[in-house]
């Protein structure tokens, strides 16, 4: 049996070492990309959670506005343009076409920011941990309630649809929530 000479083996170990180096480099790059992607997903999930909490807080702020701050009874201050004197953010629902919350929720002259009526302090700015790019906003729509149990002004029954929009720390992160509220 003839063994290969050292002369015919020359360069084989260099080739094997280069292949191993390339494989290790590719594994390292893949690991770094995976780590970066996971960090980005975690940051986006955290930001969505901040926006959700802001929208939830705006819903609670609107409930306080309805029950205590303005003590709404019926649809007295409500208008189709959501900007009647003393009735900013209070809307009569659209019967067709674009809904009021679609048209006016981000309009500062027609919707209310968190704490604007109730006086509660706002959220921290986005530059601080857990902060938001903008204060959450909300609109309240008075909807006739034929099934309701509580009488309101003039014997008419109303429930209130609250639409709230919360912002995250990253621009573009938004969460919108709606609830029906019967005081």
C-alpha atoms as a PDB file:
ATOM      1  CA  UNK A   1       0.000   0.000   0.000  1.00  0.00           C
ATOM      2  CA  UNK A   2       1.373   3.265  -1.051  1.00  0.00           C
ATOM      3  CA  UNK A   3       0.913   6.305   1.203  1.00  0.00           C
ATOM      4  CA  UNK A   4       0.471   9.709  -0.343  1.00  0.00           C
ATOM      5  CA  UNK A   5       3.605  11.725  -0.317  1.00  0.00           C
ATOM      6  CA  UNK A   6       3.912  15.004   1.519  1.00  0.00           C
ATOM      7  CA  UNK A   7       4.292  16.694  -1.833  1.00  0.00           C
ATOM      8  CA  UNK A   8       0.775  15.695  -2.997  1.00  0.00           C
ATOM      9  CA  UNK A   9      -0.743  16.816   0.336  1.00  0.00           C
ATOM     10  CA  UNK A  10       0.625  20.341   0.169  1.00  0.00           C
ATOM     11  CA  UNK A  11      -2.146  23.026   0.471  1.00  0.00           C
ATOM     12  CA  UNK A  12      -4.951  20.718   1.650  1.00  0.00           C
ATOM     13  CA  UNK A  13      -4.824  21.966   5.242  1.00  0.00           C
ATOM     14  CA  UNK A  14      -4.967  25.596   4.034  1.00  0.00           C
ATOM     15  CA  UNK A  15      -8.104  24.826   2.022  1.00  0.00           C
ATOM     16  CA  UNK A  16      -9.783  23.090   4.993  1.00  0.00           C
ATOM     17  CA  UNK A  17      -8.890  26.004   7.296  1.00  0.00           C
ATOM     18  CA  UNK A  18     -10.351  28.559   4.850  1.00  0.00           C
ATOM     19  CA  UNK A  19     -13.604  26.596   4.515  1.00  0.00           C
ATOM     20  CA  UNK A  20     -13.881  26.387   8.318  1.00  0.00           C
ATOM     21  CA  UNK A  21     -13.233  30.144   8.666  1.00  0.00           C
ATOM     22  CA  UNK A  22     -15.941  30.946   6.102  1.00  0.00           C
ATOM     23  CA  UNK A  23     -18.426  28.646   7.872  1.00  0.00           C
ATOM     24  CA  UNK A  24     -17.685  30.213  11.269  1.00  0.00           C
ATOM     25  CA  UNK A  25     -18.006  33.728   9.822  1.00  0.00           C
ATOM     26  CA  UNK A  26     -21.389  32.912   8.229  1.00  0.00           C
ATOM     27  CA  UNK A  27     -22.669  31.441  11.508  1.00  0.00           C
ATOM     28  CA  UNK A  28     -21.534  34.582  13.363  1.00  0.00           C
ATOM     29  CA  UNK A  29     -23.228  36.907  10.859  1.00  0.00           C
ATOM     30  CA  UNK A  30     -26.462  34.880  11.030  1.00  0.00           C
ATOM     31  CA  UNK A  31     -26.401  35.047  14.843  1.00  0.00           C
ATOM     32  CA  UNK A  32     -25.861  38.812  14.814  1.00  0.00           C
ATOM     33  CA  UNK A  33     -28.755  39.317  12.351  1.00  0.00           C
ATOM     34  CA  UNK A  34     -31.051  37.132  14.436  1.00  0.00           C
ATOM     35  CA  UNK A  35     -30.155  39.041  17.589  1.00  0.00           C
ATOM     36  CA  UNK A  36     -30.802  42.400  15.884  1.00  0.00           C
ATOM     37  CA  UNK A  37     -34.163  41.214  14.529  1.00  0.00           C
ATOM     38  CA  UNK A  38     -35.279  39.950  17.929  1.00  0.00           C
ATOM     39  CA  UNK A  39     -34.279  43.230  19.576  1.00  0.00           C
ATOM     40  CA  UNK A  40     -36.244  45.181  16.949  1.00  0.00           C
ATOM     41  CA  UNK A  41     -39.321  42.983  17.463  1.00  0.00           C
ATOM     42  CA  UNK A  42     -39.102  43.448  21.231  1.00  0.00           C
ATOM     43  CA  UNK A  43     -38.806  47.231  20.822  1.00  0.00           C
ATOM     44  CA  UNK A  44     -41.840  47.339  18.500  1.00  0.00           C
ATOM     45  CA  UNK A  45     -43.887  45.164  20.876  1.00  0.00           C
ATOM     46  CA  UNK A  46     -42.968  47.438  23.802  1.00  0.00           C
ATOM     47  CA  UNK A  47     -43.903  50.515  21.767  1.00  0.00           C
ATOM     48  CA  UNK A  48     -47.264  49.025  20.778  1.00  0.00           C
ATOM     49  CA  UNK A  49     -47.891  48.262  24.443  1.00  0.00           C
ATOM     50  CA  UNK A  50     -47.123  51.888  25.387  1.00  0.00           C
ATOM     51  CA  UNK A  51     -49.591  53.098  22.718  1.00  0.00           C
ATOM     52  CA  UNK A  52     -52.228  50.629  23.951  1.00  0.00           C
ATOM     53  CA  UNK A  53     -51.828  51.837  27.530  1.00  0.00           C
ATOM     54  CA  UNK A  54     -52.094  55.452  26.365  1.00  0.00           C
ATOM     55  CA  UNK A  55     -55.320  54.694  24.456  1.00  0.00           C
ATOM     56  CA  UNK A  56     -56.735  52.864  27.496  1.00  0.00           C
ATOM     57  CA  UNK A  57     -55.895  55.859  29.681  1.00  0.00           C
ATOM     58  CA  UNK A  58     -57.692  58.147  27.207  1.00  0.00           C
ATOM     59  CA  UNK A  59     -60.815  55.955  27.444  1.00  0.00           C
ATOM     60  CA  UNK A  60     -60.782  56.258  31.254  1.00  0.00           C
ATOM     61  CA  UNK A  61     -60.176  60.018  30.962  1.00  0.00           C
ATOM     62  CA  UNK A  62     -63.200  60.316  28.648  1.00  0.00           C
ATOM     63  CA  UNK A  63     -65.365  58.376  31.115  1.00  0.00           C
ATOM     64  CA  UNK A  64     -64.347  60.784  33.885  1.00  0.00           C
ATOM     65  CA  UNK A  65     -65.123  63.686  31.552  1.00  0.00           C
ATOM     66  CA  UNK A  66     -68.601  62.269  30.823  1.00  0.00           C
ATOM     67  CA  UNK A  67     -69.535  61.425  34.412  1.00  0.00           C
ATOM     68  CA  UNK A  68     -67.771  64.016  36.570  1.00  0.00           C
ATOM     69  CA  UNK A  69     -66.056  66.860  34.712  1.00  0.00           C
ATOM     70  CA  UNK A  70     -68.828  67.904  32.317  1.00  0.00           C
ATOM     71  CA  UNK A  71     -71.507  65.637  33.842  1.00  0.00           C
ATOM     72  CA  UNK A  72     -73.089  65.042  30.449  1.00  0.00           C
ATOM     73  CA  UNK A  73     -76.812  64.436  30.253  1.00  0.00           C
ATOM     74  CA  UNK A  74     -78.116  63.507  26.852  1.00  0.00           C
ATOM     75  CA  UNK A  75     -76.688  65.103  23.750  1.00  0.00           C
ATOM     76  CA  UNK A  76     -76.985  68.793  24.628  1.00  0.00           C
ATOM     77  CA  UNK A  77     -73.422  69.926  23.793  1.00  0.00           C
ATOM     78  CA  UNK A  78     -72.938  67.513  20.893  1.00  0.00           C
ATOM     79  CA  UNK A  79     -72.583  68.701  17.289  1.00  0.00           C
ATOM     80  CA  UNK A  80     -71.818  67.268  13.866  1.00  0.00           C
ATOM     81  CA  UNK A  81     -68.539  69.196  13.758  1.00  0.00           C
ATOM     82  CA  UNK A  82     -67.444  68.237  17.309  1.00  0.00           C
ATOM     83  CA  UNK A  83     -66.441  71.817  18.106  1.00  0.00           C
ATOM     84  CA  UNK A  84     -69.498  73.512  19.586  1.00  0.00           C
ATOM     85  CA  UNK A  85     -68.713  75.988  22.377  1.00  0.00           C
ATOM     86  CA  UNK A  86     -68.309  73.949  25.541  1.00  0.00           C
ATOM     87  CA  UNK A  87     -68.680  70.765  23.521  1.00  0.00           C
ATOM     88  CA  UNK A  88     -65.224  70.238  22.047  1.00  0.00           C
ATOM     89  CA  UNK A  89     -64.758  66.542  21.347  1.00  0.00           C
ATOM     90  CA  UNK A  90     -68.495  65.814  21.610  1.00  0.00           C
ATOM     91  CA  UNK A  91     -69.995  64.571  18.354  1.00  0.00           C
ATOM     92  CA  UNK A  92     -73.269  63.508  16.863  1.00  0.00           C
ATOM     93  CA  UNK A  93     -72.530  60.260  14.976  1.00  0.00           C
ATOM     94  CA  UNK A  94     -72.460  60.378  11.194  1.00  0.00           C
ATOM     95  CA  UNK A  95     -75.362  58.546   9.572  1.00  0.00           C
ATOM     96  CA  UNK A  96     -73.425  57.858   6.372  1.00  0.00           C
ATOM     97  CA  UNK A  97     -70.008  58.410   4.825  1.00  0.00           C
ATOM     98  CA  UNK A  98     -66.945  59.161   6.892  1.00  0.00           C
ATOM     99  CA  UNK A  99     -67.358  58.594  10.619  1.00  0.00           C
ATOM    100  CA  UNK A 100     -66.645  61.521  12.950  1.00  0.00           C
ATOM    101  CA  UNK A 101     -63.768  59.686  14.627  1.00  0.00           C
ATOM    102  CA  UNK A 102     -62.166  59.037  11.231  1.00  0.00           C
ATOM    103  CA  UNK A 103     -62.393  62.709  10.321  1.00  0.00           C
ATOM    104  CA  UNK A 104     -61.714  64.484  13.612  1.00  0.00           C
ATOM    105  CA  UNK A 105     -59.846  62.231  16.058  1.00  0.00           C
ATOM    106  CA  UNK A 106     -56.434  63.721  15.278  1.00  0.00           C
ATOM    107  CA  UNK A 107     -57.744  67.282  14.865  1.00  0.00           C
ATOM    108  CA  UNK A 108     -56.718  69.205  17.993  1.00  0.00           C
ATOM    109  CA  UNK A 109     -59.525  71.736  17.518  1.00  0.00           C
ATOM    110  CA  UNK A 110     -62.227  69.025  17.459  1.00  0.00           C
ATOM    111  CA  UNK A 111     -60.935  66.257  19.749  1.00  0.00           C
ATOM    112  CA  UNK A 112     -59.628  66.268  23.293  1.00  0.00           C
ATOM    113  CA  UNK A 113     -56.158  65.349  24.458  1.00  0.00           C
ATOM    114  CA  UNK A 114     -55.626  63.290  27.585  1.00  0.00           C
ATOM    115  CA  UNK A 115     -56.244  65.447  30.665  1.00  0.00           C
ATOM    116  CA  UNK A 116     -57.487  68.472  28.727  1.00  0.00           C
ATOM    117  CA  UNK A 117     -60.885  68.431  30.487  1.00  0.00           C
ATOM    118  CA  UNK A 118     -60.062  66.461  33.621  1.00  0.00           C
ATOM    119  CA  UNK A 119     -56.768  68.155  34.457  1.00  0.00           C
ATOM    120  CA  UNK A 120     -54.805  64.930  34.990  1.00  0.00           C
ATOM    121  CA  UNK A 121     -51.114  65.222  34.069  1.00  0.00           C
ATOM    122  CA  UNK A 122     -50.167  63.993  30.610  1.00  0.00           C
ATOM    123  CA  UNK A 123     -47.792  61.262  29.542  1.00  0.00           C
ATOM    124  CA  UNK A 124     -44.029  61.762  29.448  1.00  0.00           C
ATOM    125  CA  UNK A 125     -42.478  62.841  26.133  1.00  0.00           C
ATOM    126  CA  UNK A 126     -40.897  60.230  23.847  1.00  0.00           C
ATOM    127  CA  UNK A 127     -37.426  61.367  24.902  1.00  0.00           C
ATOM    128  CA  UNK A 128     -38.044  59.776  28.324  1.00  0.00           C
ATOM    129  CA  UNK A 129     -38.419  56.062  29.037  1.00  0.00           C
ATOM    130  CA  UNK A 130     -41.998  54.951  28.448  1.00  0.00           C
ATOM    131  CA  UNK A 131     -42.882  58.302  26.887  1.00  0.00           C
ATOM    132  CA  UNK A 132     -45.103  58.999  23.882  1.00  0.00           C
ATOM    133  CA  UNK A 133     -44.686  61.068  20.718  1.00  0.00           C
ATOM    134  CA  UNK A 134     -48.054  62.791  21.336  1.00  0.00           C
ATOM    135  CA  UNK A 135     -50.668  62.831  24.079  1.00  0.00           C
ATOM    136  CA  UNK A 136     -53.550  60.417  23.504  1.00  0.00           C
ATOM    137  CA  UNK A 137     -56.747  61.898  22.069  1.00  0.00           C
ATOM    138  CA  UNK A 138     -60.430  61.026  22.239  1.00  0.00           C
ATOM    139  CA  UNK A 139     -63.886  61.850  20.869  1.00  0.00           C
ATOM    140  CA  UNK A 140     -67.269  61.083  22.422  1.00  0.00           C
ATOM    141  CA  UNK A 141     -70.362  60.387  20.314  1.00  0.00           C
ATOM    142  CA  UNK A 142     -73.891  60.407  21.765  1.00  0.00           C
ATOM    143  CA  UNK A 143     -75.915  57.522  20.379  1.00  0.00           C
ATOM    144  CA  UNK A 144     -79.661  57.149  21.042  1.00  0.00           C
ATOM    145  CA  UNK A 145     -80.176  54.013  23.125  1.00  0.00           C
ATOM    146  CA  UNK A 146     -83.561  52.405  22.660  1.00  0.00           C
ATOM    147  CA  UNK A 147     -82.573  49.516  24.941  1.00  0.00           C
ATOM    148  CA  UNK A 148     -81.102  51.665  27.739  1.00  0.00           C
ATOM    149  CA  UNK A 149     -82.411  51.753  31.267  1.00  0.00           C
ATOM    150  CA  UNK A 150     -81.408  55.248  32.343  1.00  0.00           C
ATOM    151  CA  UNK A 151     -83.405  58.289  31.310  1.00  0.00           C
ATOM    152  CA  UNK A 152     -81.553  61.399  30.227  1.00  0.00           C
ATOM    153  CA  UNK A 153     -82.499  64.950  29.249  1.00  0.00           C
ATOM    154  CA  UNK A 154     -85.988  65.143  27.755  1.00  0.00           C
ATOM    155  CA  UNK A 155     -86.602  61.438  28.364  1.00  0.00           C
ATOM    156  CA  UNK A 156     -84.169  60.383  25.625  1.00  0.00           C
ATOM    157  CA  UNK A 157     -81.731  57.605  26.440  1.00  0.00           C
ATOM    158  CA  UNK A 158     -78.111  57.784  25.298  1.00  0.00           C
ATOM    159  CA  UNK A 159     -75.016  55.702  25.400  1.00  0.00           C
ATOM    160  CA  UNK A 160     -71.679  57.185  24.508  1.00  0.00           C
ATOM    161  CA  UNK A 161     -69.238  55.755  22.016  1.00  0.00           C
ATOM    162  CA  UNK A 162     -65.729  56.791  23.001  1.00  0.00           C
ATOM    163  CA  UNK A 163     -62.955  56.545  20.432  1.00  0.00           C
ATOM    164  CA  UNK A 164     -59.421  56.945  21.748  1.00  0.00           C
ATOM    165  CA  UNK A 165     -56.083  57.065  19.963  1.00  0.00           C
ATOM    166  CA  UNK A 166     -52.832  56.336  21.786  1.00  0.00           C
ATOM    167  CA  UNK A 167     -49.345  57.020  20.464  1.00  0.00           C
ATOM    168  CA  UNK A 168     -46.128  55.133  21.144  1.00  0.00           C
ATOM    169  CA  UNK A 169     -42.578  56.336  21.628  1.00  0.00           C
ATOM    170  CA  UNK A 170     -41.782  55.742  17.947  1.00  0.00           C
ATOM    171  CA  UNK A 171     -43.430  57.945  15.346  1.00  0.00           C
ATOM    172  CA  UNK A 172     -46.010  55.932  13.469  1.00  0.00           C
ATOM    173  CA  UNK A 173     -46.993  53.653  16.365  1.00  0.00           C
ATOM    174  CA  UNK A 174     -50.675  54.182  17.046  1.00  0.00           C
ATOM    175  CA  UNK A 175     -53.420  52.185  18.712  1.00  0.00           C
ATOM    176  CA  UNK A 176     -57.090  53.102  18.396  1.00  0.00           C
ATOM    177  CA  UNK A 177     -59.720  51.752  20.782  1.00  0.00           C
ATOM    178  CA  UNK A 178     -63.470  52.206  20.956  1.00  0.00           C
ATOM    179  CA  UNK A 179     -65.929  51.416  23.708  1.00  0.00           C
ATOM    180  CA  UNK A 180     -69.585  52.019  24.413  1.00  0.00           C
ATOM    181  CA  UNK A 181     -70.121  53.653  27.777  1.00  0.00           C
ATOM    182  CA  UNK A 182     -73.403  53.871  29.639  1.00  0.00           C
ATOM    183  CA  UNK A 183     -73.073  56.184  32.676  1.00  0.00           C
END
